[in-house]
Amino acid sequence: MLDLPRSTISDIAILARTTKENVARVMLGKSGVPLETQKRIVDAIRVLSDLHNETNEQHVIGVVLLGPLAEDAYHSWVARGIAEAANELNRKIMIHMRTPQEGSDYLEMLQKNHLAGGMIIVNPFEDAPLIRFCERYEVPHVLIDRHIAHRIDQPGRGFVTAQNYEGGVQAMEYLIQHGHRRIAHLFELTQIESSADRTRAYRDTLHSHSIPFEPALMIEVRQGDTGGEAAMAALLQQPQRPTAVFAVNDRVAWGVQRALRRAGSAISVVGFDDLSASAHSKPPLTTVHVPMLEMGRAALRMIVKMIDSGEVPDAVRLPTHLVIRESTAAAVH
C-alpha cells in the first residue's frame, strides 16, 4: 500500500468523489468497482502519496469548481486555461467538483493533509464555507468571478473576471444602432457579479439612449436553455413583441432560438459567453466573447505570484468583445 502518513480511506474517498467501501475494494484488489471510479481512486491515492512525499507542497494548487465539468461549459473552459498555465509553470493542480450541499469533509481533508499552497475558486456564489476556510487558515486564494458580497480587497485574495458590463453595453449598442427599441432581456436573479453587470448594462444603455424601460420585457430565467425557451414563448404572447432579445448567456439564448424556430418568428438574439456551440446554432448566434481560457490562465499566474511572493496582484478584468453572426439583423417596424 502507498505510504499515506496523514491520509485515511475517508480522505481518498472525498478526493475521488466516491465511497469508503469502493476505496477499500480497490486497495484490496477486489472487483465490483466501475472502471471510471477505480481510476479516480487510483489518481487520488497517487496525488495524496505524491504530496506527502513532496519537499515543496507550495507547488500544489487546489481548483474548486461548483458543479461537474461538462462539454463546452464555462467551468470546463476556465479549468482548461488553469491546467494549461499550470503545465507551463510546472505546478500541480488538484481539481475538486463541489456541490452547494456538500459538507465540510473536503475542507477538513485539505487542512489535515496540507494539500494546497493556494486555491482557485471558480464562480464561488455558493462557496462561502470554502472562502472562510481560506481566510481562517490564511490560504492564498483567487476567485474567478464572485458573489457581490465577496470583497476584492480582502488580504490574501485575488480576483479575476471579464468586463461583463462593458460587453453588455456593446451588445445593447449594437442592437440599438440597428434600429431596435423594444429589446427584451432574459436575466438570472443572482448575486453573481458577472450576471448582475450584464443586467445593469441593459438598463443603463436603454437609459443613455432615452429608451423607456419596460418591466414586461425583462424576464427572469432559472434553468439555462430550457428557461430561455419558456421565457421566449411568454414574450411571443405579448401584444407588442420585442424585436430583439439580449440573453444573459449563450445557453439561455439557445433556448430563445428554439422557441423562435418553433413559432416561425424572426427576432434578433444576442447571447453572452461565446461558447463553441454558438457558432453552429441555428442561426449562428451573435454573442459577447468572454475569454474563459485566459481567465483560467490569469488566475493560475496570479495564485503562483501570491504563493511565491506573498503579494496580492491587482484585480484582473479581461476585455470582452462582440462576435457578430447571423442571429441579428436590422429591426423591422
Protein backbone atom coordinates (compact mmCIF):
# COMPACT_ATOMS: atom_id res chain seq x y z
CA MET A 1 0.00 0.00 0.00
CA LEU A 2 1.19 3.53 -0.72
CA ASP A 3 2.58 5.49 2.21
CA LEU A 4 -0.06 7.98 3.31
CA PRO A 5 1.15 9.18 6.71
CA ARG A 6 -1.69 11.61 7.34
CA SER A 7 -4.37 10.41 4.92
CA THR A 8 -7.14 7.92 5.53
CA ILE A 9 -9.55 5.97 3.39
CA SER A 10 -12.04 8.76 4.06
CA ASP A 11 -9.62 11.31 2.59
CA ILE A 12 -9.19 9.23 -0.55
CA ALA A 13 -12.96 8.80 -0.88
CA ILE A 14 -13.53 12.55 -0.58
CA LEU A 15 -10.89 13.36 -3.19
CA ALA A 16 -12.13 10.63 -5.56
CA ARG A 17 -15.82 11.52 -5.04
CA THR A 18 -16.83 8.00 -4.08
CA THR A 19 -17.50 5.82 -1.04
CA LYS A 20 -15.05 4.42 1.51
CA GLU A 21 -16.27 0.96 0.57
CA ASN A 22 -15.21 1.46 -3.05
CA VAL A 23 -11.80 2.72 -1.94
CA ALA A 24 -11.31 -0.30 0.27
CA ARG A 25 -12.26 -2.69 -2.54
CA VAL A 26 -9.76 -1.09 -4.94
CA MET A 27 -6.97 -1.05 -2.36
CA LEU A 28 -7.58 -4.73 -1.60
CA GLY A 29 -7.69 -5.63 -5.29
CA LYS A 30 -11.33 -6.70 -5.26
CA SER A 31 -13.70 -6.39 -8.21
CA GLY A 32 -17.08 -4.67 -8.42
CA VAL A 33 -15.99 -1.03 -8.74
CA PRO A 34 -16.66 0.74 -12.09
CA LEU A 35 -13.53 1.45 -14.12
CA GLU A 36 -14.03 5.22 -14.07
CA THR A 37 -14.36 5.16 -10.26
CA GLN A 38 -11.29 2.93 -9.99
CA LYS A 39 -9.30 5.48 -11.99
CA ARG A 40 -10.41 8.33 -9.72
CA ILE A 41 -9.44 6.32 -6.64
CA VAL A 42 -6.01 5.43 -8.02
CA ASP A 43 -5.46 9.06 -9.05
CA ALA A 44 -6.47 10.26 -5.58
CA ILE A 45 -4.08 7.81 -3.89
CA ARG A 46 -1.29 8.93 -6.19
CA VAL A 47 -2.00 12.61 -5.51
CA LEU A 48 -2.04 12.13 -1.75
CA SER A 49 1.09 9.97 -1.82
CA ASP A 50 2.98 12.38 -4.07
CA LEU A 51 2.01 15.37 -1.97
CA HIS A 52 3.15 13.79 1.28
CA ASN A 53 6.48 12.96 -0.35
CA GLU A 54 6.90 16.43 -1.89
CA THR A 55 9.59 18.62 -0.40
CA ASN A 56 7.69 21.70 -1.55
CA GLU A 57 3.95 21.42 -1.12
CA GLN A 58 3.58 25.05 -2.22
CA HIS A 59 3.70 23.80 -5.82
CA VAL A 60 0.24 22.27 -5.37
CA ILE A 61 -2.75 24.47 -6.20
CA GLY A 62 -6.33 23.47 -5.43
CA VAL A 63 -9.01 24.27 -8.01
CA VAL A 64 -12.63 24.16 -6.85
CA LEU A 65 -15.49 24.13 -9.33
CA LEU A 66 -19.13 24.39 -8.36
CA GLY A 67 -20.72 21.55 -10.28
CA PRO A 68 -19.40 18.95 -12.74
CA LEU A 69 -17.29 19.58 -15.80
CA ALA A 70 -19.43 19.45 -18.92
CA GLU A 71 -18.56 19.72 -22.58
CA ASP A 72 -18.42 23.32 -23.86
CA ALA A 73 -19.28 24.80 -20.48
CA TYR A 74 -17.89 27.88 -18.72
CA HIS A 75 -16.27 25.82 -15.95
CA SER A 76 -14.65 23.49 -18.45
CA TRP A 77 -13.00 26.26 -20.47
CA VAL A 78 -11.76 28.05 -17.35
CA ALA A 79 -10.38 24.79 -15.93
CA ARG A 80 -8.60 24.10 -19.20
CA GLY A 81 -6.93 27.51 -19.02
CA ILE A 82 -5.83 26.81 -15.44
CA ALA A 83 -4.40 23.42 -16.45
CA GLU A 84 -2.53 24.87 -19.44
CA ALA A 85 -0.89 27.60 -17.33
CA ALA A 86 -0.06 25.10 -14.56
CA ASN A 87 1.72 22.90 -17.09
CA GLU A 88 3.68 25.88 -18.43
CA LEU A 89 4.75 26.90 -14.91
CA ASN A 90 5.41 23.33 -13.73
CA ARG A 91 2.80 23.49 -10.97
CA LYS A 92 0.49 20.71 -9.84
CA ILE A 93 -3.24 21.31 -9.62
CA MET A 94 -5.88 19.32 -7.80
CA ILE A 95 -9.40 19.81 -9.16
CA HIS A 96 -12.43 19.26 -6.94
CA MET A 97 -16.01 19.47 -8.22
CA ARG A 98 -18.14 20.71 -5.36
CA THR A 99 -21.90 20.90 -4.85
CA PRO A 100 -23.72 23.57 -2.80
CA GLN A 101 -24.99 20.84 -0.47
CA GLU A 102 -21.54 19.42 0.23
CA GLY A 103 -20.42 19.45 3.83
CA SER A 104 -17.10 20.32 5.43
CA ASP A 105 -15.38 16.96 4.87
CA TYR A 106 -13.44 18.23 1.87
CA LEU A 107 -12.23 21.30 3.75
CA GLU A 108 -11.13 19.23 6.73
CA MET A 109 -9.29 16.86 4.40
CA LEU A 110 -7.45 19.81 2.81
CA GLN A 111 -6.39 21.17 6.18
CA LYS A 112 -5.28 17.85 7.65
CA ASN A 113 -3.23 16.85 4.61
CA HIS A 114 -1.82 20.31 3.89
CA LEU A 115 -2.75 19.73 0.28
CA ALA A 116 -2.82 23.19 -1.24
CA GLY A 117 -0.46 26.12 -1.05
CA GLY A 118 -3.20 28.15 -2.68
CA MET A 119 -6.75 27.81 -4.03
CA ILE A 120 -8.55 28.93 -7.18
CA ILE A 121 -12.31 29.04 -6.64
CA VAL A 122 -14.37 29.24 -9.84
CA ASN A 123 -17.70 31.08 -9.75
CA PRO A 124 -17.92 30.93 -5.94
CA PHE A 125 -21.51 32.01 -5.37
CA GLU A 126 -22.26 29.10 -3.05
CA ASP A 127 -18.79 28.60 -1.61
CA ALA A 128 -18.81 30.84 1.46
CA PRO A 129 -17.57 27.94 3.70
CA LEU A 130 -14.54 27.38 1.45
CA ILE A 131 -13.74 31.09 1.36
CA ARG A 132 -14.00 31.27 5.16
CA PHE A 133 -11.68 28.25 5.33
CA CYS A 134 -9.09 30.07 3.19
CA GLU A 135 -9.37 33.17 5.37
CA ARG A 136 -9.14 31.24 8.64
CA TYR A 137 -6.04 29.28 7.66
CA GLU A 138 -4.53 32.15 5.65
CA VAL A 139 -4.56 30.15 2.43
CA PRO A 140 -3.92 32.41 -0.60
CA HIS A 141 -6.94 32.20 -2.87
CA VAL A 142 -8.15 33.61 -6.17
CA LEU A 143 -11.81 34.00 -7.07
CA ILE A 144 -12.83 33.68 -10.69
CA ASP A 145 -15.97 35.77 -10.73
CA ARG A 146 -17.54 36.43 -7.35
CA HIS A 147 -20.63 36.92 -5.27
CA ILE A 148 -21.24 40.66 -4.93
CA ALA A 149 -20.79 40.36 -1.15
CA HIS A 150 -17.23 38.99 -1.54
CA ARG A 151 -14.70 41.78 -1.04
CA ILE A 152 -11.96 42.02 -3.65
CA ASP A 153 -9.54 43.78 -1.31
CA GLN A 154 -9.52 41.02 1.33
CA PRO A 155 -5.92 40.17 2.40
CA GLY A 156 -4.67 37.05 0.64
CA ARG A 157 -7.42 37.16 -2.00
CA GLY A 158 -7.00 37.69 -5.74
CA PHE A 159 -9.76 38.25 -8.25
CA VAL A 160 -10.18 37.52 -11.97
CA THR A 161 -13.21 38.21 -14.14
CA ALA A 162 -14.20 39.58 -17.54
CA GLN A 163 -15.50 43.02 -18.45
CA ASN A 164 -19.12 41.89 -18.32
CA TYR A 165 -20.62 45.35 -18.00
CA GLU A 166 -18.69 46.66 -20.99
CA GLY A 167 -19.65 43.58 -23.01
CA GLY A 168 -23.32 44.11 -22.17
CA VAL A 169 -23.10 47.72 -23.32
CA GLN A 170 -21.50 46.58 -26.60
CA ALA A 171 -24.37 44.16 -27.22
CA MET A 172 -27.04 46.73 -26.46
CA GLU A 173 -25.37 49.48 -28.50
CA TYR A 174 -25.20 47.15 -31.48
CA LEU A 175 -28.91 46.35 -31.29
CA ILE A 176 -29.88 49.99 -30.83
CA GLN A 177 -27.69 51.06 -33.75
CA HIS A 178 -29.63 48.60 -35.89
CA GLY A 179 -32.93 50.20 -35.06
CA HIS A 180 -34.10 48.05 -32.15
CA ARG A 181 -36.06 49.84 -29.43
CA ARG A 182 -38.15 47.01 -27.96
CA ILE A 183 -35.32 44.88 -26.61
CA ALA A 184 -36.14 42.12 -24.15
CA HIS A 185 -33.65 40.94 -21.55
CA LEU A 186 -33.65 37.45 -20.09
CA PHE A 187 -31.74 37.59 -16.81
CA GLU A 188 -30.81 35.44 -13.82
CA LEU A 189 -31.82 36.64 -10.37
CA THR A 190 -28.45 36.13 -8.76
CA GLN A 191 -25.84 37.99 -6.79
CA ILE A 192 -23.04 36.84 -9.09
CA GLU A 193 -21.24 39.93 -10.28
CA SER A 194 -20.97 38.84 -13.93
CA SER A 195 -24.72 38.31 -14.37
CA ALA A 196 -25.61 41.43 -12.41
CA ASP A 197 -23.24 43.53 -14.55
CA ARG A 198 -24.86 42.28 -17.76
CA THR A 199 -28.30 43.24 -16.50
CA ARG A 200 -27.05 46.62 -15.30
CA ALA A 201 -25.61 47.25 -18.77
CA TYR A 202 -29.02 46.52 -20.31
CA ARG A 203 -30.79 49.12 -18.20
CA ASP A 204 -28.04 51.73 -18.37
CA THR A 205 -27.80 51.57 -22.15
CA LEU A 206 -31.56 51.94 -22.56
CA HIS A 207 -31.38 54.99 -20.31
CA SER A 208 -28.43 56.53 -22.18
CA HIS A 209 -30.48 56.38 -25.40
CA SER A 210 -33.67 57.68 -23.75
CA ILE A 211 -35.45 54.40 -24.47
CA PRO A 212 -38.15 53.76 -21.84
CA PHE A 213 -37.55 50.76 -19.62
CA GLU A 214 -40.45 48.29 -19.84
CA PRO A 215 -40.62 45.80 -16.96
CA ALA A 216 -42.60 43.38 -19.13
CA LEU A 217 -39.54 42.97 -21.37
CA MET A 218 -37.36 41.73 -18.50
CA ILE A 219 -37.96 38.08 -17.69
CA GLU A 220 -36.13 36.02 -15.09
CA VAL A 221 -34.81 32.63 -16.21
CA ARG A 222 -33.68 29.86 -13.89
CA GLN A 223 -32.94 26.78 -15.99
CA GLY A 224 -30.47 27.69 -18.71
CA ASP A 225 -31.61 26.98 -22.25
CA THR A 226 -34.88 25.45 -21.02
CA GLY A 227 -35.67 28.66 -19.17
CA GLY A 228 -34.81 30.67 -22.26
CA GLU A 229 -37.25 28.67 -24.32
CA ALA A 230 -40.11 29.21 -21.86
CA ALA A 231 -39.32 32.91 -21.45
CA MET A 232 -39.31 33.50 -25.20
CA ALA A 233 -42.63 31.68 -25.56
CA ALA A 234 -44.08 34.08 -22.98
CA LEU A 235 -42.67 37.11 -24.79
CA LEU A 236 -44.27 35.96 -28.04
CA GLN A 237 -47.68 36.09 -26.33
CA GLN A 238 -47.36 39.79 -25.55
CA PRO A 239 -49.47 42.21 -27.67
CA GLN A 240 -46.29 44.06 -28.68
CA ARG A 241 -43.48 41.64 -29.28
CA PRO A 242 -39.86 42.64 -28.85
CA THR A 243 -37.76 42.99 -31.98
CA ALA A 244 -34.63 41.76 -30.22
CA VAL A 245 -33.56 39.73 -27.17
CA PHE A 246 -30.40 40.18 -25.10
CA ALA A 247 -29.87 36.94 -23.17
CA VAL A 248 -27.72 36.73 -20.04
CA ASN A 249 -25.72 33.85 -21.53
CA ASP A 250 -25.49 31.62 -24.58
CA ARG A 251 -27.42 28.70 -23.11
CA VAL A 252 -30.39 30.95 -22.46
CA ALA A 253 -30.04 32.33 -25.99
CA TRP A 254 -30.12 28.81 -27.46
CA GLY A 255 -33.47 28.24 -25.78
CA VAL A 256 -34.72 31.53 -27.21
CA GLN A 257 -33.71 30.38 -30.68
CA ARG A 258 -35.56 27.08 -30.30
CA ALA A 259 -38.75 28.90 -29.29
CA LEU A 260 -38.42 31.25 -32.26
CA ARG A 261 -37.92 28.38 -34.71
CA ARG A 262 -40.97 26.62 -33.32
CA ALA A 263 -43.06 29.79 -33.68
CA GLY A 264 -41.65 30.70 -37.07
CA SER A 265 -40.70 34.16 -35.78
CA ALA A 266 -37.73 36.29 -36.78
CA ILE A 267 -36.37 38.23 -33.80
CA SER A 268 -32.74 39.23 -33.29
CA VAL A 269 -30.95 37.37 -30.50
CA VAL A 270 -27.69 38.20 -28.71
CA GLY A 271 -26.07 35.88 -26.17
CA PHE A 272 -23.10 36.15 -23.83
CA ASP A 273 -20.03 33.90 -23.33
CA ASP A 274 -19.34 32.72 -26.93
CA LEU A 275 -19.37 29.01 -26.18
CA SER A 276 -18.16 26.90 -29.12
CA ALA A 277 -21.63 25.63 -29.97
CA SER A 278 -22.91 29.17 -30.54
CA ALA A 279 -21.07 29.35 -33.87
CA HIS A 280 -23.17 26.38 -35.00
CA SER A 281 -26.58 27.21 -33.53
CA LYS A 282 -29.49 27.87 -35.88
CA PRO A 283 -28.86 30.57 -36.90
CA PRO A 284 -25.27 31.11 -35.69
CA LEU A 285 -25.50 33.24 -32.57
CA THR A 286 -24.31 36.80 -32.19
CA THR A 287 -22.75 36.87 -28.75
CA VAL A 288 -20.26 38.57 -26.46
CA HIS A 289 -16.98 36.70 -26.29
CA VAL A 290 -15.71 36.02 -22.76
CA PRO A 291 -12.02 34.99 -22.63
CA MET A 292 -12.60 31.97 -20.41
CA LEU A 293 -9.33 30.23 -21.23
CA GLU A 294 -7.35 33.36 -20.45
CA MET A 295 -9.30 33.88 -17.22
CA GLY A 296 -8.09 30.46 -16.09
CA ARG A 297 -4.53 31.22 -17.14
CA ALA A 298 -4.60 34.61 -15.39
CA ALA A 299 -5.91 33.04 -12.18
CA LEU A 300 -3.14 30.43 -12.17
CA ARG A 301 -0.45 33.04 -12.78
CA MET A 302 -1.94 35.20 -10.02
CA ILE A 303 -2.06 32.46 -7.39
CA VAL A 304 1.53 31.44 -8.22
CA LYS A 305 2.68 35.01 -7.67
CA MET A 306 0.78 35.14 -4.37
CA ILE A 307 2.34 31.88 -3.19
CA ASP A 308 5.85 32.77 -4.28
CA SER A 309 6.00 36.41 -3.18
CA GLY A 310 3.17 36.89 -0.71
CA GLU A 311 1.94 39.81 -2.81
CA VAL A 312 -1.68 40.13 -3.94
CA PRO A 313 -1.78 41.46 -7.51
CA ASP A 314 -4.43 43.93 -8.61
CA ALA A 315 -7.77 42.51 -9.71
CA VAL A 316 -7.80 41.39 -13.35
CA ARG A 317 -10.76 42.23 -15.59
CA LEU A 318 -10.17 40.84 -19.06
CA PRO A 319 -11.75 42.53 -22.10
CA THR A 320 -14.79 41.13 -23.90
CA HIS A 321 -15.88 41.78 -27.47
CA LEU A 322 -18.97 41.32 -29.60
CA VAL A 323 -18.94 38.50 -32.17
CA ILE A 324 -21.47 39.28 -34.89
CA ARG A 325 -23.16 36.33 -36.57
CA GLU A 326 -26.46 35.66 -38.32
CA SER A 327 -28.87 35.76 -35.36
CA THR A 328 -29.14 39.57 -35.54
CA ALA A 329 -30.45 41.91 -38.21
CA ALA A 330 -31.85 45.40 -38.55
CA ALA A 331 -35.20 45.99 -36.84
CA VAL A 332 -38.34 45.81 -38.95
CA HIS A 333 -41.01 48.19 -37.67
